Amino acid sequence: MRRALCATVAGALILPAAALAHVNVLPAFLEGGQQTTLLFTAPNERPPHAVIELSVTVPEGVDLTRLAPPPGWSLTISGTQAVWSGGRTLPRTIGVFRLAATTDDEPTAVDLHASQRYDDGGVVRWTIPFTILPAPNPPKQHLLPALLVGIAGLFVIAGGLAFARLRRRPQQTQPRSG
């Protein structure tokens, strides 16, 4: 019983730390046709080594746009891959990297792939769940056709009233001869 309790407590303490030990992206989605700034957080979980490169690969059909890299880092984009290099994320710190992305792809769930390279040559790879949402569809305004239909409706109403008035006119009666 005591062992189970200790294991539960240890798991509760270790799991939150493990949850932070991977590359994340916010927001975890793109809306079709909208440029979105993606914020990648990459904690260094390998003391005493520093992260010296972060690479993120997106699916085909997602277009990447360069945003200013963190101080000390440089950013190169080649096709579907963005690579930040030249800087250092020290042990027990979190690197924050920004990138803009757009897509016209159909809504779907996809994966982004990230890898962190360390100063000792080690590489840690991550798969990041990601979603492509449908493009927002603002309502289309068809003002000219609506105006024409409204005018036609007024003519129909006016014509109906005129016709009804003509039918209601009292008929003149002829005197009967008798």
N, C-alpha and C. Protein backbone atom coordinates (compact mmCIF):
# COMPACT_ATOMS: atom_id res chain seq x y z
N MET A 1 0.82 -1.19 0.00
CA MET A 1 0.00 0.00 0.00
C MET A 1 0.87 1.25 0.00
N ARG A 2 1.91 1.23 0.85
CA ARG A 2 2.81 2.36 0.93
C ARG A 2 3.55 2.58 -0.39
N ARG A 3 3.95 1.49 -1.03
CA ARG A 3 4.65 1.59 -2.32
C ARG A 3 3.74 2.22 -3.38
N ALA A 4 2.48 1.80 -3.41
CA ALA A 4 1.54 2.34 -4.39
C ALA A 4 1.35 3.83 -4.18
N LEU A 5 1.25 4.24 -2.92
CA LEU A 5 1.09 5.66 -2.61
C LEU A 5 2.33 6.44 -3.03
N CYS A 6 3.51 5.91 -2.74
CA CYS A 6 4.76 6.57 -3.13
C CYS A 6 4.87 6.66 -4.66
N ALA A 7 4.49 5.59 -5.35
CA ALA A 7 4.55 5.60 -6.81
C ALA A 7 3.59 6.63 -7.39
N THR A 8 2.41 6.74 -6.80
CA THR A 8 1.43 7.73 -7.26
C THR A 8 1.94 9.14 -7.05
N VAL A 9 2.48 9.41 -5.87
CA VAL A 9 3.02 10.74 -5.58
C VAL A 9 4.18 11.06 -6.51
N ALA A 10 5.08 10.10 -6.72
CA ALA A 10 6.22 10.32 -7.61
C ALA A 10 5.75 10.59 -9.04
N GLY A 11 4.76 9.83 -9.49
CA GLY A 11 4.21 10.05 -10.83
C GLY A 11 3.58 11.42 -10.97
N ALA A 12 2.88 11.86 -9.92
CA ALA A 12 2.25 13.18 -9.96
C ALA A 12 3.29 14.29 -10.02
N LEU A 13 4.44 14.06 -9.44
CA LEU A 13 5.51 15.07 -9.46
C LEU A 13 6.31 15.02 -10.76
N ILE A 14 6.48 13.84 -11.31
CA ILE A 14 7.31 13.69 -12.52
C ILE A 14 6.54 14.03 -13.79
N LEU A 15 5.26 13.65 -13.90
CA LEU A 15 4.51 13.85 -15.13
C LEU A 15 4.42 15.32 -15.55
N PRO A 16 4.14 16.28 -14.66
CA PRO A 16 4.12 17.67 -15.13
C PRO A 16 5.46 18.12 -15.69
N ALA A 17 6.55 17.69 -15.09
CA ALA A 17 7.86 18.06 -15.61
C ALA A 17 8.08 17.42 -16.98
N ALA A 18 7.65 16.18 -17.15
CA ALA A 18 7.81 15.51 -18.45
C ALA A 18 6.95 16.17 -19.51
N ALA A 19 5.78 16.66 -19.10
CA ALA A 19 4.89 17.31 -20.07
C ALA A 19 5.52 18.58 -20.62
N LEU A 20 6.37 19.24 -19.85
CA LEU A 20 7.04 20.45 -20.33
C LEU A 20 8.24 20.12 -21.20
N ALA A 21 8.70 18.89 -21.18
CA ALA A 21 9.95 18.55 -21.85
C ALA A 21 9.73 18.13 -23.30
N HIS A 22 9.08 18.99 -24.07
CA HIS A 22 8.96 18.74 -25.50
C HIS A 22 8.60 20.04 -26.21
N VAL A 23 8.74 20.04 -27.52
CA VAL A 23 8.44 21.23 -28.31
C VAL A 23 6.92 21.33 -28.49
N ASN A 24 6.38 22.51 -28.24
CA ASN A 24 4.95 22.78 -28.40
C ASN A 24 4.77 23.94 -29.38
N VAL A 25 3.55 24.07 -29.90
CA VAL A 25 3.22 25.20 -30.76
C VAL A 25 1.87 25.77 -30.33
N LEU A 26 1.80 27.09 -30.33
CA LEU A 26 0.54 27.79 -30.05
C LEU A 26 0.31 28.83 -31.13
N PRO A 27 -0.86 28.95 -31.69
CA PRO A 27 -1.96 28.00 -31.54
C PRO A 27 -1.62 26.70 -32.26
N ALA A 28 -2.32 25.66 -31.92
CA ALA A 28 -2.08 24.34 -32.50
C ALA A 28 -2.95 24.13 -33.74
N PHE A 29 -3.23 25.23 -34.47
CA PHE A 29 -4.08 25.13 -35.66
C PHE A 29 -3.79 26.30 -36.59
N LEU A 30 -4.19 26.12 -37.85
CA LEU A 30 -4.19 27.18 -38.86
C LEU A 30 -5.60 27.26 -39.43
N GLU A 31 -6.08 28.47 -39.66
CA GLU A 31 -7.34 28.62 -40.40
C GLU A 31 -6.98 28.81 -41.85
N GLY A 32 -7.64 28.08 -42.73
CA GLY A 32 -7.37 28.19 -44.15
C GLY A 32 -7.45 29.63 -44.63
N GLY A 33 -6.46 30.05 -45.42
CA GLY A 33 -6.46 31.38 -46.00
C GLY A 33 -6.05 32.49 -45.07
N GLN A 34 -5.77 32.20 -43.81
CA GLN A 34 -5.40 33.22 -42.83
C GLN A 34 -3.93 33.05 -42.45
N GLN A 35 -3.16 34.15 -42.45
CA GLN A 35 -1.80 34.05 -41.95
C GLN A 35 -1.85 34.03 -40.42
N THR A 36 -1.13 33.10 -39.84
CA THR A 36 -1.12 32.91 -38.39
C THR A 36 0.31 32.91 -37.90
N THR A 37 0.55 33.61 -36.79
CA THR A 37 1.86 33.56 -36.15
C THR A 37 1.88 32.36 -35.22
N LEU A 38 2.82 31.46 -35.46
CA LEU A 38 2.98 30.27 -34.63
C LEU A 38 4.11 30.52 -33.64
N LEU A 39 3.89 30.16 -32.40
CA LEU A 39 4.86 30.35 -31.34
C LEU A 39 5.31 28.97 -30.87
N PHE A 40 6.56 28.63 -31.17
CA PHE A 40 7.12 27.34 -30.77
C PHE A 40 7.88 27.53 -29.46
N THR A 41 7.59 26.70 -28.47
CA THR A 41 8.35 26.71 -27.23
C THR A 41 9.14 25.41 -27.17
N ALA A 42 10.45 25.55 -26.91
CA ALA A 42 11.35 24.39 -26.94
C ALA A 42 12.20 24.39 -25.68
N PRO A 43 11.76 23.67 -24.64
CA PRO A 43 12.55 23.63 -23.42
C PRO A 43 13.81 22.77 -23.59
N ASN A 44 14.86 23.16 -22.90
CA ASN A 44 16.08 22.36 -22.89
C ASN A 44 15.98 21.38 -21.73
N GLU A 45 15.80 20.11 -22.05
CA GLU A 45 15.62 19.09 -21.02
C GLU A 45 16.86 18.22 -20.85
N ARG A 46 18.02 18.68 -21.36
CA ARG A 46 19.23 17.85 -21.29
C ARG A 46 20.41 18.59 -20.64
N PRO A 47 20.30 18.98 -19.37
CA PRO A 47 21.46 19.60 -18.72
C PRO A 47 22.64 18.63 -18.73
N PRO A 48 23.81 19.06 -18.87
CA PRO A 48 24.34 20.42 -18.89
C PRO A 48 24.48 20.99 -20.29
N HIS A 49 23.85 20.37 -21.28
CA HIS A 49 24.05 20.76 -22.68
C HIS A 49 23.08 21.87 -23.10
N ALA A 50 23.49 22.66 -24.08
CA ALA A 50 22.66 23.74 -24.62
C ALA A 50 22.06 23.32 -25.95
N VAL A 51 20.85 23.77 -26.22
CA VAL A 51 20.23 23.58 -27.54
C VAL A 51 20.87 24.61 -28.47
N ILE A 52 21.38 24.13 -29.62
CA ILE A 52 22.03 25.04 -30.57
C ILE A 52 21.29 25.13 -31.90
N GLU A 53 20.23 24.32 -32.06
CA GLU A 53 19.45 24.38 -33.29
C GLU A 53 18.06 23.80 -33.04
N LEU A 54 17.07 24.46 -33.62
CA LEU A 54 15.70 23.94 -33.62
C LEU A 54 15.24 23.90 -35.06
N SER A 55 14.72 22.75 -35.46
CA SER A 55 14.21 22.58 -36.82
C SER A 55 12.75 22.17 -36.73
N VAL A 56 11.90 22.81 -37.56
CA VAL A 56 10.48 22.47 -37.61
C VAL A 56 10.11 22.21 -39.07
N THR A 57 9.46 21.09 -39.31
CA THR A 57 9.01 20.74 -40.66
C THR A 57 7.48 20.67 -40.65
N VAL A 58 6.86 21.35 -41.62
CA VAL A 58 5.41 21.38 -41.75
C VAL A 58 5.01 20.56 -42.97
N PRO A 59 3.74 20.16 -43.08
CA PRO A 59 3.30 19.40 -44.25
C PRO A 59 3.33 20.24 -45.54
N GLU A 60 3.40 19.57 -46.67
CA GLU A 60 3.26 20.25 -47.96
C GLU A 60 1.95 21.00 -47.97
N GLY A 61 1.93 22.16 -48.60
CA GLY A 61 0.71 22.96 -48.67
C GLY A 61 0.64 24.02 -47.59
N VAL A 62 1.54 23.98 -46.62
CA VAL A 62 1.63 25.03 -45.60
C VAL A 62 2.80 25.92 -45.99
N ASP A 63 2.53 27.19 -46.18
CA ASP A 63 3.56 28.16 -46.58
C ASP A 63 4.09 28.87 -45.34
N LEU A 64 5.42 28.93 -45.24
CA LEU A 64 6.07 29.55 -44.09
C LEU A 64 6.59 30.94 -44.45
N THR A 65 6.51 31.85 -43.49
CA THR A 65 7.02 33.21 -43.66
C THR A 65 7.92 33.52 -42.47
N ARG A 66 9.05 34.10 -42.79
CA ARG A 66 10.05 34.41 -41.78
C ARG A 66 9.57 35.54 -40.87
N LEU A 67 9.74 35.35 -39.56
CA LEU A 67 9.56 36.41 -38.58
C LEU A 67 10.90 36.58 -37.86
N ALA A 68 11.08 37.68 -37.16
CA ALA A 68 12.35 37.94 -36.49
C ALA A 68 12.69 36.82 -35.52
N PRO A 69 13.90 36.26 -35.63
CA PRO A 69 14.30 35.20 -34.70
C PRO A 69 14.66 35.79 -33.34
N PRO A 70 14.76 34.95 -32.31
CA PRO A 70 15.18 35.45 -31.00
C PRO A 70 16.60 36.03 -31.10
N PRO A 71 16.95 36.93 -30.21
CA PRO A 71 18.31 37.50 -30.23
C PRO A 71 19.37 36.41 -30.21
N GLY A 72 20.35 36.54 -31.08
CA GLY A 72 21.44 35.57 -31.16
C GLY A 72 21.18 34.41 -32.10
N TRP A 73 19.97 34.28 -32.58
CA TRP A 73 19.60 33.17 -33.46
C TRP A 73 19.42 33.69 -34.88
N SER A 74 19.58 32.81 -35.87
CA SER A 74 19.22 33.14 -37.25
C SER A 74 18.19 32.12 -37.71
N LEU A 75 17.38 32.53 -38.66
CA LEU A 75 16.30 31.68 -39.16
C LEU A 75 16.44 31.52 -40.66
N THR A 76 16.43 30.28 -41.13
CA THR A 76 16.39 30.00 -42.56
C THR A 76 15.16 29.15 -42.84
N ILE A 77 14.52 29.45 -43.96
CA ILE A 77 13.35 28.68 -44.38
C ILE A 77 13.66 28.10 -45.75
N SER A 78 13.45 26.81 -45.88
CA SER A 78 13.65 26.12 -47.15
C SER A 78 12.46 25.19 -47.36
N GLY A 79 11.56 25.60 -48.27
CA GLY A 79 10.38 24.78 -48.53
C GLY A 79 9.50 24.67 -47.31
N THR A 80 9.36 23.46 -46.79
CA THR A 80 8.48 23.22 -45.65
C THR A 80 9.25 23.14 -44.33
N GLN A 81 10.51 23.58 -44.35
CA GLN A 81 11.32 23.47 -43.13
C GLN A 81 11.85 24.83 -42.70
N ALA A 82 11.74 25.09 -41.39
CA ALA A 82 12.32 26.29 -40.77
C ALA A 82 13.40 25.82 -39.80
N VAL A 83 14.57 26.48 -39.85
CA VAL A 83 15.67 26.10 -38.97
C VAL A 83 16.21 27.35 -38.29
N TRP A 84 16.17 27.32 -36.96
CA TRP A 84 16.79 28.37 -36.16
C TRP A 84 18.13 27.84 -35.69
N SER A 85 19.20 28.61 -35.85
CA SER A 85 20.52 28.17 -35.45
C SER A 85 21.35 29.37 -35.01
N GLY A 86 22.54 29.09 -34.46
CA GLY A 86 23.46 30.15 -34.09
C GLY A 86 23.27 30.66 -32.67
N GLY A 87 22.20 30.32 -32.01
CA GLY A 87 21.97 30.75 -30.64
C GLY A 87 22.17 29.60 -29.67
N ARG A 88 21.81 29.82 -28.44
CA ARG A 88 21.93 28.80 -27.41
C ARG A 88 20.76 28.91 -26.44
N THR A 89 20.10 27.78 -26.20
CA THR A 89 19.11 27.69 -25.13
C THR A 89 19.79 26.92 -24.01
N LEU A 90 20.04 27.60 -22.92
CA LEU A 90 20.77 27.01 -21.80
C LEU A 90 19.92 25.97 -21.08
N PRO A 91 20.57 25.09 -20.30
CA PRO A 91 19.82 24.07 -19.55
C PRO A 91 18.75 24.70 -18.66
N ARG A 92 17.65 24.00 -18.57
CA ARG A 92 16.50 24.38 -17.75
C ARG A 92 15.90 25.73 -18.14
N THR A 93 16.04 26.11 -19.40
CA THR A 93 15.37 27.30 -19.91
C THR A 93 14.56 26.90 -21.13
N ILE A 94 13.72 27.80 -21.57
CA ILE A 94 12.83 27.50 -22.69
C ILE A 94 13.12 28.49 -23.81
N GLY A 95 13.40 27.97 -25.01
CA GLY A 95 13.56 28.81 -26.19
C GLY A 95 12.19 29.09 -26.79
N VAL A 96 11.99 30.33 -27.25
CA VAL A 96 10.72 30.71 -27.86
C VAL A 96 11.01 31.20 -29.27
N PHE A 97 10.37 30.57 -30.27
CA PHE A 97 10.65 30.83 -31.67
C PHE A 97 9.35 31.12 -32.40
N ARG A 98 9.34 32.17 -33.23
CA ARG A 98 8.12 32.58 -33.94
C ARG A 98 8.29 32.34 -35.44
N LEU A 99 7.14 32.03 -36.06
CA LEU A 99 7.09 31.75 -37.49
C LEU A 99 5.67 32.03 -37.96
N ALA A 100 5.51 32.59 -39.15
CA ALA A 100 4.17 32.80 -39.70
C ALA A 100 3.87 31.70 -40.71
N ALA A 101 2.62 31.29 -40.78
CA ALA A 101 2.23 30.22 -41.70
C ALA A 101 0.85 30.50 -42.27
N THR A 102 0.64 30.05 -43.51
CA THR A 102 -0.66 30.12 -44.16
C THR A 102 -0.88 28.81 -44.92
N THR A 103 -2.14 28.52 -45.19
CA THR A 103 -2.46 27.35 -46.00
C THR A 103 -3.83 27.53 -46.64
N ASP A 104 -4.02 26.86 -47.76
CA ASP A 104 -5.33 26.76 -48.39
C ASP A 104 -5.76 25.30 -48.43
N ASP A 105 -5.06 24.45 -47.67
CA ASP A 105 -5.39 23.02 -47.63
C ASP A 105 -6.76 22.79 -47.03
N GLU A 106 -7.30 21.64 -47.32
CA GLU A 106 -8.58 21.22 -46.75
C GLU A 106 -8.40 20.98 -45.25
N PRO A 107 -9.46 21.16 -44.47
CA PRO A 107 -9.37 20.91 -43.03
C PRO A 107 -8.95 19.46 -42.75
N THR A 108 -8.02 19.29 -41.83
CA THR A 108 -7.53 17.96 -41.49
C THR A 108 -6.62 18.04 -40.27
N ALA A 109 -6.36 16.90 -39.69
CA ALA A 109 -5.36 16.80 -38.62
C ALA A 109 -4.04 16.39 -39.27
N VAL A 110 -2.96 17.06 -38.90
CA VAL A 110 -1.64 16.77 -39.45
C VAL A 110 -0.64 16.74 -38.29
N ASP A 111 0.60 16.41 -38.61
CA ASP A 111 1.68 16.46 -37.63
C ASP A 111 2.76 17.40 -38.12
N LEU A 112 3.31 18.18 -37.20
CA LEU A 112 4.52 18.94 -37.45
C LEU A 112 5.65 18.12 -36.84
N HIS A 113 6.84 18.24 -37.40
CA HIS A 113 7.98 17.50 -36.87
C HIS A 113 9.05 18.50 -36.45
N ALA A 114 9.54 18.33 -35.24
CA ALA A 114 10.57 19.23 -34.71
C ALA A 114 11.75 18.41 -34.23
N SER A 115 12.93 19.02 -34.31
CA SER A 115 14.11 18.38 -33.73
C SER A 115 14.97 19.45 -33.08
N GLN A 116 15.50 19.10 -31.91
CA GLN A 116 16.40 19.96 -31.18
C GLN A 116 17.80 19.35 -31.26
N ARG A 117 18.77 20.16 -31.66
CA ARG A 117 20.17 19.70 -31.72
C ARG A 117 20.92 20.33 -30.56
N TYR A 118 21.71 19.52 -29.88
CA TYR A 118 22.44 19.95 -28.70
C TYR A 118 23.92 20.13 -29.00
N ASP A 119 24.59 20.87 -28.12
CA ASP A 119 26.01 21.15 -28.34
C ASP A 119 26.90 19.92 -28.23
N ASP A 120 26.38 18.80 -27.72
CA ASP A 120 27.15 17.55 -27.68
C ASP A 120 26.87 16.68 -28.90
N GLY A 121 26.08 17.19 -29.88
CA GLY A 121 25.74 16.43 -31.08
C GLY A 121 24.44 15.65 -30.96
N GLY A 122 23.87 15.58 -29.78
CA GLY A 122 22.62 14.85 -29.59
C GLY A 122 21.45 15.56 -30.27
N VAL A 123 20.51 14.76 -30.73
CA VAL A 123 19.31 15.29 -31.38
C VAL A 123 18.09 14.63 -30.75
N VAL A 124 17.10 15.45 -30.39
CA VAL A 124 15.85 14.93 -29.86
C VAL A 124 14.75 15.35 -30.84
N ARG A 125 13.95 14.36 -31.26
CA ARG A 125 12.89 14.61 -32.24
C ARG A 125 11.52 14.56 -31.57
N TRP A 126 10.62 15.42 -32.07
CA TRP A 126 9.27 15.51 -31.52
C TRP A 126 8.25 15.54 -32.65
N THR A 127 7.10 14.94 -32.41
CA THR A 127 5.96 15.03 -33.31
C THR A 127 4.92 15.90 -32.61
N ILE A 128 4.45 16.94 -33.32
CA ILE A 128 3.52 17.89 -32.72
C ILE A 128 2.18 17.78 -33.44
N PRO A 129 1.11 17.36 -32.75
CA PRO A 129 -0.21 17.31 -33.38
C PRO A 129 -0.65 18.73 -33.75
N PHE A 130 -1.27 18.86 -34.92
CA PHE A 130 -1.63 20.16 -35.45
C PHE A 130 -2.91 20.00 -36.27
N THR A 131 -3.71 21.05 -36.37
CA THR A 131 -4.98 20.97 -37.10
C THR A 131 -5.08 22.10 -38.11
N ILE A 132 -5.56 21.77 -39.29
CA ILE A 132 -5.89 22.79 -40.30
C ILE A 132 -7.40 22.93 -40.28
N LEU A 133 -7.87 24.14 -39.99
CA LEU A 133 -9.30 24.42 -39.88
C LEU A 133 -9.83 24.97 -41.20
N PRO A 134 -11.14 24.89 -41.41
CA PRO A 134 -11.71 25.48 -42.62
C PRO A 134 -11.54 27.00 -42.61
N ALA A 135 -11.48 27.56 -43.79
CA ALA A 135 -11.39 29.01 -43.91
C ALA A 135 -12.66 29.64 -43.39
N PRO A 136 -12.53 30.77 -42.70
CA PRO A 136 -13.75 31.45 -42.27
C PRO A 136 -14.52 31.94 -43.49
N ASN A 137 -15.82 31.79 -43.47
CA ASN A 137 -16.65 32.21 -44.60
C ASN A 137 -17.52 33.38 -44.19
N PRO A 138 -17.03 34.60 -44.43
CA PRO A 138 -17.90 35.73 -44.10
C PRO A 138 -19.11 35.72 -45.02
N PRO A 139 -20.26 36.15 -44.52
CA PRO A 139 -21.44 36.16 -45.39
C PRO A 139 -21.22 37.10 -46.56
N LYS A 140 -21.61 36.64 -47.73
CA LYS A 140 -21.49 37.48 -48.92
C LYS A 140 -22.68 38.40 -49.00
N GLN A 141 -22.41 39.63 -49.35
CA GLN A 141 -23.48 40.60 -49.46
C GLN A 141 -23.77 40.83 -50.94
N HIS A 142 -25.00 40.60 -51.31
CA HIS A 142 -25.45 40.78 -52.69
C HIS A 142 -26.42 41.96 -52.70
N LEU A 143 -25.90 43.16 -52.56
CA LEU A 143 -26.75 44.33 -52.40
C LEU A 143 -27.52 44.69 -53.67
N LEU A 144 -26.88 44.66 -54.83
CA LEU A 144 -27.57 45.04 -56.06
C LEU A 144 -28.73 44.10 -56.37
N PRO A 145 -28.51 42.77 -56.37
CA PRO A 145 -29.67 41.90 -56.61
C PRO A 145 -30.77 42.09 -55.55
N ALA A 146 -30.40 42.30 -54.30
CA ALA A 146 -31.42 42.51 -53.26
C ALA A 146 -32.21 43.78 -53.54
N LEU A 147 -31.52 44.84 -53.97
CA LEU A 147 -32.19 46.10 -54.29
C LEU A 147 -33.15 45.91 -55.46
N LEU A 148 -32.71 45.22 -56.50
CA LEU A 148 -33.56 44.99 -57.67
C LEU A 148 -34.79 44.15 -57.30
N VAL A 149 -34.60 43.14 -56.49
CA VAL A 149 -35.73 42.31 -56.06
C VAL A 149 -36.69 43.14 -55.22
N GLY A 150 -36.16 44.01 -54.35
CA GLY A 150 -37.01 44.88 -53.55
C GLY A 150 -37.83 45.83 -54.40
N ILE A 151 -37.22 46.42 -55.43
CA ILE A 151 -37.94 47.32 -56.34
C ILE A 151 -39.02 46.56 -57.10
N ALA A 152 -38.67 45.38 -57.59
CA ALA A 152 -39.66 44.57 -58.30
C ALA A 152 -40.82 44.22 -57.37
N GLY A 153 -40.52 43.93 -56.11
CA GLY A 153 -41.56 43.63 -55.15
C GLY A 153 -42.50 44.82 -54.94
N LEU A 154 -41.94 46.03 -54.90
CA LEU A 154 -42.78 47.23 -54.76
C LEU A 154 -43.71 47.39 -55.95
N PHE A 155 -43.20 47.14 -57.17
CA PHE A 155 -44.05 47.22 -58.36
C PHE A 155 -45.16 46.19 -58.32
N VAL A 156 -44.85 45.00 -57.85
CA VAL A 156 -45.88 43.95 -57.76
C VAL A 156 -46.95 44.36 -56.76
N ILE A 157 -46.52 44.89 -55.62
CA ILE A 157 -47.49 45.32 -54.61
C ILE A 157 -48.35 46.47 -55.14
N ALA A 158 -47.71 47.47 -55.77
CA ALA A 158 -48.46 48.62 -56.32
C ALA A 158 -49.43 48.14 -57.39
N GLY A 159 -48.99 47.24 -58.26
CA GLY A 159 -49.87 46.71 -59.31
C GLY A 159 -51.04 45.95 -58.72
N GLY A 160 -50.79 45.16 -57.67
CA GLY A 160 -51.86 44.41 -57.02
C GLY A 160 -52.89 45.34 -56.39
N LEU A 161 -52.40 46.41 -55.75
CA LEU A 161 -53.33 47.38 -55.15
C LEU A 161 -54.17 48.09 -56.21
N ALA A 162 -53.52 48.46 -57.32
CA ALA A 162 -54.26 49.14 -58.40
C ALA A 162 -55.31 48.21 -58.99
N PHE A 163 -54.98 46.96 -59.20
CA PHE A 163 -55.92 46.00 -59.74
C PHE A 163 -57.09 45.81 -58.78
N ALA A 164 -56.80 45.71 -57.49
CA ALA A 164 -57.86 45.53 -56.50
C ALA A 164 -58.78 46.74 -56.47
N ARG A 165 -58.23 47.92 -56.62
CA ARG A 165 -59.04 49.14 -56.61
C ARG A 165 -59.96 49.16 -57.83
N LEU A 166 -59.46 48.77 -58.99
CA LEU A 166 -60.28 48.75 -60.20
C LEU A 166 -61.44 47.77 -60.06
N ARG A 167 -61.20 46.66 -59.45
CA ARG A 167 -62.26 45.65 -59.29
C ARG A 167 -63.30 46.08 -58.28
N ARG A 168 -62.98 46.95 -57.38
CA ARG A 168 -63.92 47.37 -56.34
C ARG A 168 -64.76 48.56 -56.76
N ARG A 169 -64.47 49.18 -57.85
CA ARG A 169 -65.27 50.34 -58.26
C ARG A 169 -66.72 49.93 -58.40
N PRO A 170 -67.56 50.75 -57.86
CA PRO A 170 -68.99 50.38 -57.98
C PRO A 170 -69.42 50.47 -59.45
N GLN A 171 -70.14 49.48 -59.83
CA GLN A 171 -70.63 49.48 -61.20
C GLN A 171 -71.86 50.39 -61.27
N GLN A 172 -71.91 51.14 -62.32
CA GLN A 172 -73.09 52.01 -62.48
C GLN A 172 -74.25 51.15 -62.93
N THR A 173 -75.35 51.37 -62.30
CA THR A 173 -76.52 50.56 -62.64
C THR A 173 -77.40 51.34 -63.62
N GLN A 174 -77.95 50.58 -64.51
CA GLN A 174 -78.87 51.14 -65.52
C GLN A 174 -80.29 51.09 -64.97
N PRO A 175 -81.06 52.16 -65.15
CA PRO A 175 -82.47 52.08 -64.71
C PRO A 175 -83.22 51.02 -65.49
N ARG A 176 -84.09 50.35 -64.82
CA ARG A 176 -84.88 49.31 -65.47
C ARG A 176 -86.06 49.93 -66.16
N SER A 177 -86.32 49.44 -67.27
CA SER A 177 -87.50 49.95 -67.97
C SER A 177 -88.65 48.95 -67.72
N GLY A 178 -89.71 49.51 -67.54
CA GLY A 178 -90.68 48.61 -67.17
C GLY A 178 -92.00 48.60 -67.50
